[in-house]
Amino acid sequence: MYCQKCRTSLKLDSSLEDLNPAAFDLLVGAASQNQSKNIPPSRPAYPQDRKQLYDRVSKHAGPPTFKRTISAPRRHESNLSDTMRSGTNNPAMSFVMLTESQVVPPSVAKSPDATTPNKSNQDDLSGGDAAGEGGKAMSREMERVSRLFEILTAKSDIDHPICVECTEMLVDGLQKRLEAATRERDAYVGFLKQVNAEVPTEEEVKEANDLLAKVQAEEVAAIEELKKIEAETAAVNEENAQLEEEARALDIEEEKFWSDRNEFAMKLSEFQNIRDSINLQYDHDSQLLDKLQRTNVYNDTFCISHDGKFGTINGLRLGRLSSVPVDWPEINAAWGHALLLLATVAGRLNFKFDGTSFNLWVLLLE
């Protein structure tokens, strides 16, 4: 045997060897009943359809070729008690069940060396059988003790067996848990006393009920006011939605207006550019016309002036005096220029002289 916590070897107390078989049966029976109550109903190992298939096939099965035989039970198994048999038939019991015959009597445990004359004679006759029986008794004793520890383990949260040192540590831990539970219980008791002390009187209950009725009336009024406000809010939200629709329509209209305005501005700018270009061209042409109007080609071609007492055309004198003799070729050329000027002006004005013709080339040749 080893301690289930520190794994040190244990020496069992002598009281376990002197355990009464009736007490052992009582412990085993109580453990079996508790386990049978706590075990939930087990589900079948295989699906139901597989079991049905097996049953159908088994109906038409022939005799087996090889048949396994089971030996007869031992003699002491017929002495099992009803409690032990019920525990053995329980499928939840995974341990070995012991019979009363396997429990060592107290007298044998207390005086293992006491023998009778008949026993001594049997030992003399069959020494080897006595050693075998002693080993079986020790095995049954170990199984019985293991069964007791399994019962203790099943009835508590602690794995048995445990040594004295581990038991002391376990007791200290349980004592601390007990103290904590006691403090918690005292706290709950104090809280319960405080709650009981704060139980209101009838007047306080009446005042509380009046206050509750007043608060409930205020709550009803507040709910009505809330409903009214919610209705107003719904109306405002609807109006807000309409205004948003109008705002979106105005935004679209404004966008269209600005688009038209920009297009008109572009056209206006183009028109103004064309107008400015035409105005500049007009100003230029006006200035050119004015300049041309102020320019006289006849003044430049036929420069008429005077030289002393003589009139001149293109620097040629148109006469002579006795005191100032002028050559006749100069005078002839001057009058030729005068005749050319007269013919040019008449041609410009589409004027025709009646009965007069000019032979300018003759004059020029001369």
Protein backbone atom coordinates (compact mmCIF):
# COMPACT_ATOMS: atom_id res chain seq x y z
CA MET A 1 0.00 0.00 0.00
CA TYR A 2 1.19 3.50 -0.87
CA CYS A 3 -0.06 6.95 0.09
CA GLN A 4 -2.13 8.41 -2.74
CA LYS A 5 -0.58 11.86 -2.25
CA CYS A 6 3.11 11.47 -1.36
CA ARG A 7 3.44 7.86 -2.67
CA THR A 8 5.21 6.61 0.46
CA SER A 9 4.72 3.07 1.72
CA LEU A 10 2.10 2.61 4.44
CA LYS A 11 1.67 0.29 7.38
CA LEU A 12 -1.99 -0.47 7.88
CA ASP A 13 -3.59 -0.14 11.29
CA SER A 14 -4.57 -3.32 13.12
CA SER A 15 -8.20 -2.17 13.31
CA LEU A 16 -8.59 -2.90 9.60
CA GLU A 17 -7.62 -6.52 10.22
CA ASP A 18 -10.25 -6.87 13.00
CA LEU A 19 -13.12 -5.53 10.88
CA ASN A 20 -16.35 -7.46 11.45
CA PRO A 21 -17.66 -9.22 8.29
CA ALA A 22 -21.16 -7.86 8.97
CA ALA A 23 -19.82 -4.29 9.05
CA PHE A 24 -17.91 -4.96 5.84
CA ASP A 25 -21.10 -6.24 4.14
CA LEU A 26 -22.97 -3.16 5.36
CA LEU A 27 -20.35 -0.82 3.84
CA VAL A 28 -20.32 -2.74 0.56
CA GLY A 29 -24.12 -2.81 0.33
CA ALA A 30 -24.46 0.93 1.07
CA ALA A 31 -21.80 1.75 -1.51
CA SER A 32 -23.50 -0.42 -4.12
CA GLN A 33 -26.89 1.22 -3.52
CA ASN A 34 -25.42 4.74 -3.73
CA GLN A 35 -23.55 3.96 -6.91
CA SER A 36 -26.61 2.37 -8.50
CA LYS A 37 -28.62 5.53 -7.72
CA ASN A 38 -25.95 7.92 -9.02
CA ILE A 39 -25.12 6.06 -12.22
CA PRO A 40 -27.04 7.51 -15.18
CA PRO A 41 -28.75 5.12 -17.58
CA SER A 42 -26.14 3.85 -19.98
CA ARG A 43 -26.78 4.14 -23.67
CA PRO A 44 -26.48 1.04 -25.88
CA ALA A 45 -23.00 0.24 -27.13
CA TYR A 46 -24.24 -0.10 -30.70
CA PRO A 47 -26.99 1.58 -32.71
CA GLN A 48 -30.46 0.02 -32.61
CA ASP A 49 -30.45 -0.81 -36.31
CA ARG A 50 -27.30 -2.91 -35.91
CA LYS A 51 -28.89 -4.84 -33.04
CA GLN A 52 -31.99 -5.53 -35.14
CA LEU A 53 -29.80 -6.74 -37.99
CA TYR A 54 -27.93 -9.04 -35.61
CA ASP A 55 -31.20 -10.48 -34.27
CA ARG A 56 -32.47 -11.24 -37.79
CA VAL A 57 -29.24 -12.97 -38.77
CA SER A 58 -29.05 -14.96 -35.49
CA LYS A 59 -32.44 -16.58 -36.14
CA HIS A 60 -31.08 -18.48 -39.15
CA ALA A 61 -27.62 -19.21 -37.73
CA GLY A 62 -26.45 -22.85 -37.59
CA PRO A 63 -24.58 -24.64 -34.79
CA PRO A 64 -21.05 -23.32 -34.12
CA THR A 65 -18.06 -25.27 -35.35
CA PHE A 66 -16.07 -24.69 -32.16
CA LYS A 67 -17.86 -24.22 -28.85
CA ARG A 68 -16.18 -22.61 -25.85
CA THR A 69 -16.87 -24.21 -22.45
CA ILE A 70 -16.75 -22.34 -19.14
CA SER A 71 -15.49 -24.16 -16.09
CA ALA A 72 -17.70 -24.59 -13.04
CA PRO A 73 -17.53 -21.84 -10.39
CA ARG A 74 -15.43 -22.28 -7.32
CA ARG A 75 -16.93 -23.72 -4.18
CA HIS A 76 -16.82 -20.55 -2.10
CA GLU A 77 -18.80 -18.56 -4.71
CA SER A 78 -21.95 -20.39 -3.67
CA ASN A 79 -21.72 -18.71 -0.26
CA LEU A 80 -22.03 -15.15 -1.61
CA SER A 81 -24.51 -12.99 0.23
CA ASP A 82 -27.44 -11.28 -1.46
CA THR A 83 -25.77 -7.90 -1.07
CA MET A 84 -22.58 -9.07 -2.75
CA ARG A 85 -24.52 -10.73 -5.60
CA SER A 86 -26.46 -7.52 -6.26
CA GLY A 87 -23.19 -5.60 -6.35
CA THR A 88 -21.62 -8.11 -8.72
CA ASN A 89 -24.51 -7.90 -11.17
CA ASN A 90 -24.19 -4.12 -11.28
CA PRO A 91 -22.28 -3.20 -14.47
CA ALA A 92 -20.94 -0.03 -12.83
CA MET A 93 -18.93 -2.03 -10.26
CA SER A 94 -15.41 -2.34 -11.67
CA PHE A 95 -13.84 -3.78 -8.52
CA VAL A 96 -13.59 -7.30 -7.12
CA MET A 97 -16.35 -8.37 -4.74
CA LEU A 98 -15.35 -10.39 -1.65
CA THR A 99 -17.41 -12.96 0.18
CA GLU A 100 -17.70 -13.56 3.90
CA SER A 101 -15.51 -16.62 3.63
CA GLN A 102 -12.72 -14.44 2.20
CA VAL A 103 -12.73 -12.15 5.22
CA VAL A 104 -10.27 -13.26 7.88
CA PRO A 105 -12.01 -13.84 11.24
CA PRO A 106 -10.93 -11.61 14.13
CA SER A 107 -9.68 -14.55 16.13
CA VAL A 108 -7.39 -15.52 13.31
CA ALA A 109 -6.12 -11.95 12.92
CA LYS A 110 -5.44 -11.55 16.64
CA SER A 111 -3.71 -14.90 17.18
CA PRO A 112 -2.17 -16.06 13.95
CA ASP A 113 0.17 -18.41 15.82
CA ALA A 114 -2.60 -20.27 17.77
CA THR A 115 -3.10 -23.75 16.33
CA THR A 116 -5.16 -26.76 17.34
CA PRO A 117 -3.96 -30.34 17.50
CA ASN A 118 -5.94 -31.15 14.39
CA LYS A 119 -4.39 -28.18 12.60
CA SER A 120 -0.94 -29.27 13.60
CA ASN A 121 -1.66 -32.78 12.37
CA GLN A 122 -2.85 -31.39 9.04
CA ASP A 123 0.27 -29.27 8.80
CA ASP A 124 2.33 -32.32 9.43
CA LEU A 125 0.44 -34.28 6.77
CA SER A 126 0.30 -31.49 4.12
CA GLY A 127 2.92 -28.78 4.65
CA GLY A 128 2.72 -27.48 1.09
CA ASP A 129 -1.05 -26.95 1.24
CA ALA A 130 -0.74 -24.78 4.37
CA ALA A 131 1.64 -22.39 2.64
CA GLY A 132 -0.75 -22.09 -0.31
CA GLU A 133 -3.71 -21.39 1.97
CA GLY A 134 -1.71 -18.69 3.80
CA GLY A 135 -0.92 -16.95 0.52
CA LYS A 136 -4.56 -17.06 -0.53
CA ALA A 137 -5.65 -15.65 2.85
CA MET A 138 -3.16 -12.78 2.50
CA SER A 139 -4.40 -12.10 -1.03
CA ARG A 140 -8.00 -12.06 0.16
CA GLU A 141 -6.99 -9.73 3.02
CA MET A 142 -5.34 -7.30 0.57
CA GLU A 143 -8.37 -7.39 -1.69
CA ARG A 144 -10.65 -6.73 1.27
CA VAL A 145 -8.53 -3.75 2.41
CA SER A 146 -8.37 -2.39 -1.14
CA ARG A 147 -12.14 -2.69 -1.36
CA LEU A 148 -12.52 -0.72 1.88
CA PHE A 149 -10.28 2.05 0.57
CA GLU A 150 -12.25 2.12 -2.68
CA ILE A 151 -15.45 2.57 -0.68
CA LEU A 152 -13.85 5.42 1.30
CA THR A 153 -12.61 7.05 -1.92
CA ALA A 154 -16.07 6.79 -3.49
CA LYS A 155 -17.72 8.38 -0.46
CA SER A 156 -15.35 11.39 -0.27
CA ASP A 157 -13.29 13.74 -2.43
CA ILE A 158 -10.02 12.25 -1.18
CA ASP A 159 -8.14 9.31 -2.64
CA HIS A 160 -7.43 6.64 0.02
CA PRO A 161 -5.21 5.45 1.60
CA ILE A 162 -3.16 8.42 2.81
CA CYS A 163 -0.37 8.67 5.40
CA VAL A 164 -0.49 10.48 8.76
CA GLU A 165 1.46 13.52 7.53
CA CYS A 166 -0.81 13.95 4.50
CA THR A 167 -3.81 13.45 6.79
CA GLU A 168 -2.59 16.26 9.05
CA MET A 169 -2.06 18.54 6.05
CA LEU A 170 -5.50 17.61 4.77
CA VAL A 171 -7.04 18.30 8.18
CA ASP A 172 -5.32 21.71 8.27
CA GLY A 173 -6.71 22.53 4.83
CA LEU A 174 -10.18 21.41 5.80
CA GLN A 175 -9.90 23.43 9.02
CA LYS A 176 -9.06 26.55 7.00
CA ARG A 177 -11.99 25.87 4.71
CA LEU A 178 -14.19 25.42 7.77
CA GLU A 179 -13.00 28.74 9.20
CA ALA A 180 -13.67 30.49 5.88
CA ALA A 181 -17.12 28.91 5.67
CA THR A 182 -17.76 29.94 9.29
CA ARG A 183 -16.78 33.53 8.55
CA GLU A 184 -18.98 33.53 5.47
CA ARG A 185 -21.85 32.09 7.52
CA ASP A 186 -21.34 34.79 10.18
CA ALA A 187 -21.36 37.45 7.46
CA TYR A 188 -24.61 36.07 6.06
CA VAL A 189 -26.11 35.92 9.54
CA GLY A 190 -25.10 39.54 10.21
CA PHE A 191 -26.53 40.62 6.89
CA LEU A 192 -29.75 38.74 7.65
CA LYS A 193 -29.98 40.44 11.04
CA GLN A 194 -29.38 43.82 9.42
CA VAL A 195 -32.07 43.15 6.85
CA ASN A 196 -34.50 42.03 9.55
CA ALA A 197 -33.67 45.14 11.59
CA GLU A 198 -34.37 47.36 8.60
CA VAL A 199 -37.86 45.98 8.04
CA PRO A 200 -40.10 49.03 7.53
CA THR A 201 -43.07 49.82 9.78
CA GLU A 202 -46.68 50.10 8.64
CA GLU A 203 -46.42 53.90 8.41
CA GLU A 204 -43.27 53.63 6.31
CA VAL A 205 -44.96 51.05 4.11
CA LYS A 206 -47.97 53.35 3.72
CA GLU A 207 -45.73 56.31 2.87
CA ALA A 208 -43.83 54.15 0.42
CA ASN A 209 -47.08 53.01 -1.20
CA ASP A 210 -48.29 56.62 -1.45
CA LEU A 211 -44.97 57.65 -2.93
CA LEU A 212 -45.15 54.70 -5.32
CA ALA A 213 -48.66 55.70 -6.42
CA LYS A 214 -47.49 59.28 -6.92
CA VAL A 215 -44.48 58.14 -8.89
CA GLN A 216 -46.66 55.84 -10.98
CA ALA A 217 -49.04 58.73 -11.72
CA GLU A 218 -46.06 60.89 -12.68
CA GLU A 219 -44.81 58.03 -14.81
CA VAL A 220 -48.16 57.82 -16.62
CA ALA A 221 -48.13 61.58 -17.19
CA ALA A 222 -44.53 61.39 -18.37
CA ILE A 223 -45.45 58.57 -20.75
CA GLU A 224 -48.32 60.65 -22.18
CA GLU A 225 -45.99 63.61 -22.55
CA LEU A 226 -43.44 61.34 -24.16
CA LYS A 227 -46.03 60.07 -26.63
CA LYS A 228 -46.99 63.66 -27.45
CA ILE A 229 -43.35 64.60 -27.93
CA GLU A 230 -42.81 61.52 -30.09
CA ALA A 231 -45.79 62.53 -32.26
CA GLU A 232 -44.38 66.04 -32.60
CA THR A 233 -40.99 64.57 -33.35
CA ALA A 234 -42.51 62.39 -36.07
CA ALA A 235 -44.23 65.45 -37.59
CA VAL A 236 -41.01 67.44 -37.42
CA ASN A 237 -39.10 64.55 -38.99
CA GLU A 238 -41.66 64.37 -41.80
CA GLU A 239 -41.43 68.11 -42.36
CA ASN A 240 -37.67 67.86 -42.23
CA ALA A 241 -37.79 65.13 -44.88
CA GLN A 242 -39.94 67.36 -47.11
CA LEU A 243 -37.55 70.26 -46.60
CA GLU A 244 -34.65 68.01 -47.46
CA GLU A 245 -36.42 66.99 -50.68
CA GLU A 246 -37.00 70.66 -51.51
CA ALA A 247 -33.39 71.42 -50.63
CA ARG A 248 -32.20 68.67 -52.96
CA ALA A 249 -34.46 70.04 -55.73
CA LEU A 250 -33.10 73.53 -55.10
CA ASP A 251 -29.57 72.17 -55.18
CA ILE A 252 -30.27 70.58 -58.56
CA GLU A 253 -31.84 73.82 -59.81
CA GLU A 254 -28.95 75.85 -58.44
CA GLU A 255 -26.48 73.54 -60.12
CA LYS A 256 -28.36 73.94 -63.39
CA PHE A 257 -28.46 77.72 -62.91
CA TRP A 258 -24.74 77.93 -62.32
CA SER A 259 -24.13 75.67 -65.32
CA ASP A 260 -26.26 77.95 -67.52
CA ARG A 261 -24.63 81.00 -65.99
CA ASN A 262 -21.15 79.64 -66.71
CA GLU A 263 -22.16 78.78 -70.26
CA PHE A 264 -23.62 82.28 -70.72
CA ALA A 265 -20.48 83.80 -69.20
CA MET A 266 -18.35 81.85 -71.66
CA LYS A 267 -20.49 83.00 -74.58
CA LEU A 268 -20.44 86.57 -73.26
CA SER A 269 -16.68 86.41 -72.92
CA GLU A 270 -16.37 85.16 -76.49
CA PHE A 271 -18.71 87.91 -77.70
CA GLN A 272 -16.75 90.53 -75.77
CA ASN A 273 -13.54 89.23 -77.27
CA ILE A 274 -15.05 89.42 -80.75
CA ARG A 275 -16.40 92.90 -79.96
CA ASP A 276 -13.04 94.06 -78.68
CA SER A 277 -11.37 92.65 -81.77
CA ILE A 278 -13.85 94.42 -84.04
CA ASN A 279 -13.46 97.63 -82.06
CA LEU A 280 -9.70 97.42 -82.36
CA GLN A 281 -10.00 96.75 -86.08
CA TYR A 282 -12.48 99.62 -86.39
CA ASP A 283 -10.17 101.97 -84.52
CA HIS A 284 -7.27 100.92 -86.67
CA ASP A 285 -9.27 101.40 -89.86
CA SER A 286 -10.60 104.72 -88.60
CA GLN A 287 -7.12 105.94 -87.87
CA LEU A 288 -5.95 104.73 -91.27
CA LEU A 289 -8.92 106.41 -92.94
CA ASP A 290 -8.26 109.61 -91.09
CA LYS A 291 -4.65 109.44 -92.08
CA LEU A 292 -5.57 108.78 -95.67
CA GLN A 293 -8.11 111.54 -95.57
CA ARG A 294 -5.51 113.93 -94.30
CA THR A 295 -3.12 112.78 -96.99
CA ASN A 296 -3.50 114.77 -100.44
CA VAL A 297 -1.70 113.12 -103.33
CA TYR A 298 -2.13 116.14 -105.49
CA ASN A 299 -0.25 118.31 -103.04
CA ASP A 300 2.63 115.84 -103.12
CA THR A 301 2.51 115.35 -106.93
CA PHE A 302 1.83 118.91 -107.94
CA CYS A 303 3.49 121.23 -105.49
CA ILE A 304 2.12 124.72 -106.21
CA SER A 305 3.97 127.64 -104.69
CA HIS A 306 5.58 130.92 -105.73
CA ASP A 307 9.03 132.25 -106.33
CA GLY A 308 9.12 135.96 -105.89
CA LYS A 309 6.75 137.44 -108.42
CA PHE A 310 6.30 134.19 -110.29
CA GLY A 311 3.93 131.32 -109.48
CA THR A 312 5.57 127.91 -109.54
CA ILE A 313 4.42 124.34 -109.97
CA ASN A 314 6.86 121.66 -108.99
CA GLY A 315 9.50 124.42 -108.88
CA LEU A 316 8.86 125.57 -112.41
CA ARG A 317 7.98 129.24 -113.00
CA LEU A 318 4.86 130.00 -114.96
CA GLY A 319 5.92 133.24 -116.67
CA ARG A 320 8.64 135.79 -117.31
CA LEU A 321 9.31 139.53 -116.93
CA SER A 322 11.43 141.94 -118.81
CA SER A 323 13.54 142.35 -115.79
CA VAL A 324 13.65 138.63 -115.06
CA PRO A 325 13.96 136.64 -118.20
CA VAL A 326 12.76 132.96 -117.79
CA ASP A 327 13.53 130.37 -120.35
CA TRP A 328 10.68 129.29 -122.52
CA PRO A 329 11.28 125.57 -121.90
CA GLU A 330 10.82 126.13 -118.16
CA ILE A 331 7.66 128.10 -118.78
CA ASN A 332 6.44 125.47 -121.22
CA ALA A 333 7.14 122.67 -118.68
CA ALA A 334 5.40 124.60 -115.93
CA TRP A 335 2.29 125.05 -118.01
CA GLY A 336 2.48 121.42 -119.02
CA HIS A 337 2.37 120.44 -115.32
CA ALA A 338 -0.54 122.80 -114.80
CA LEU A 339 -2.38 121.25 -117.74
CA LEU A 340 -1.63 117.75 -116.34
CA LEU A 341 -3.05 118.78 -112.99
CA LEU A 342 -6.17 120.14 -114.65
CA ALA A 343 -6.66 116.96 -116.69
CA THR A 344 -6.12 114.76 -113.61
CA VAL A 345 -8.63 116.66 -111.50
CA ALA A 346 -11.17 116.60 -114.35
CA GLY A 347 -10.71 112.85 -114.76
CA ARG A 348 -11.08 112.34 -111.03
CA LEU A 349 -14.27 114.34 -110.97
CA ASN A 350 -15.51 112.87 -114.27
CA PHE A 351 -15.75 116.37 -115.67
CA LYS A 352 -15.64 116.94 -119.35
CA PHE A 353 -14.81 120.22 -121.05
CA ASP A 354 -17.04 121.14 -123.95
CA GLY A 355 -15.15 121.88 -127.21
CA THR A 356 -11.78 121.49 -125.59
CA SER A 357 -9.35 118.65 -125.69
CA PHE A 358 -5.90 118.25 -124.30
CA ASN A 359 -2.98 116.84 -126.14
CA LEU A 360 -0.73 116.28 -123.19
CA TRP A 361 1.68 114.08 -124.96
CA VAL A 362 2.38 116.81 -127.53
CA LEU A 363 3.14 119.27 -124.81
CA LEU A 364 5.29 116.79 -123.02
CA LEU A 365 7.22 116.04 -126.18
CA GLU A 366 7.74 119.66 -126.78
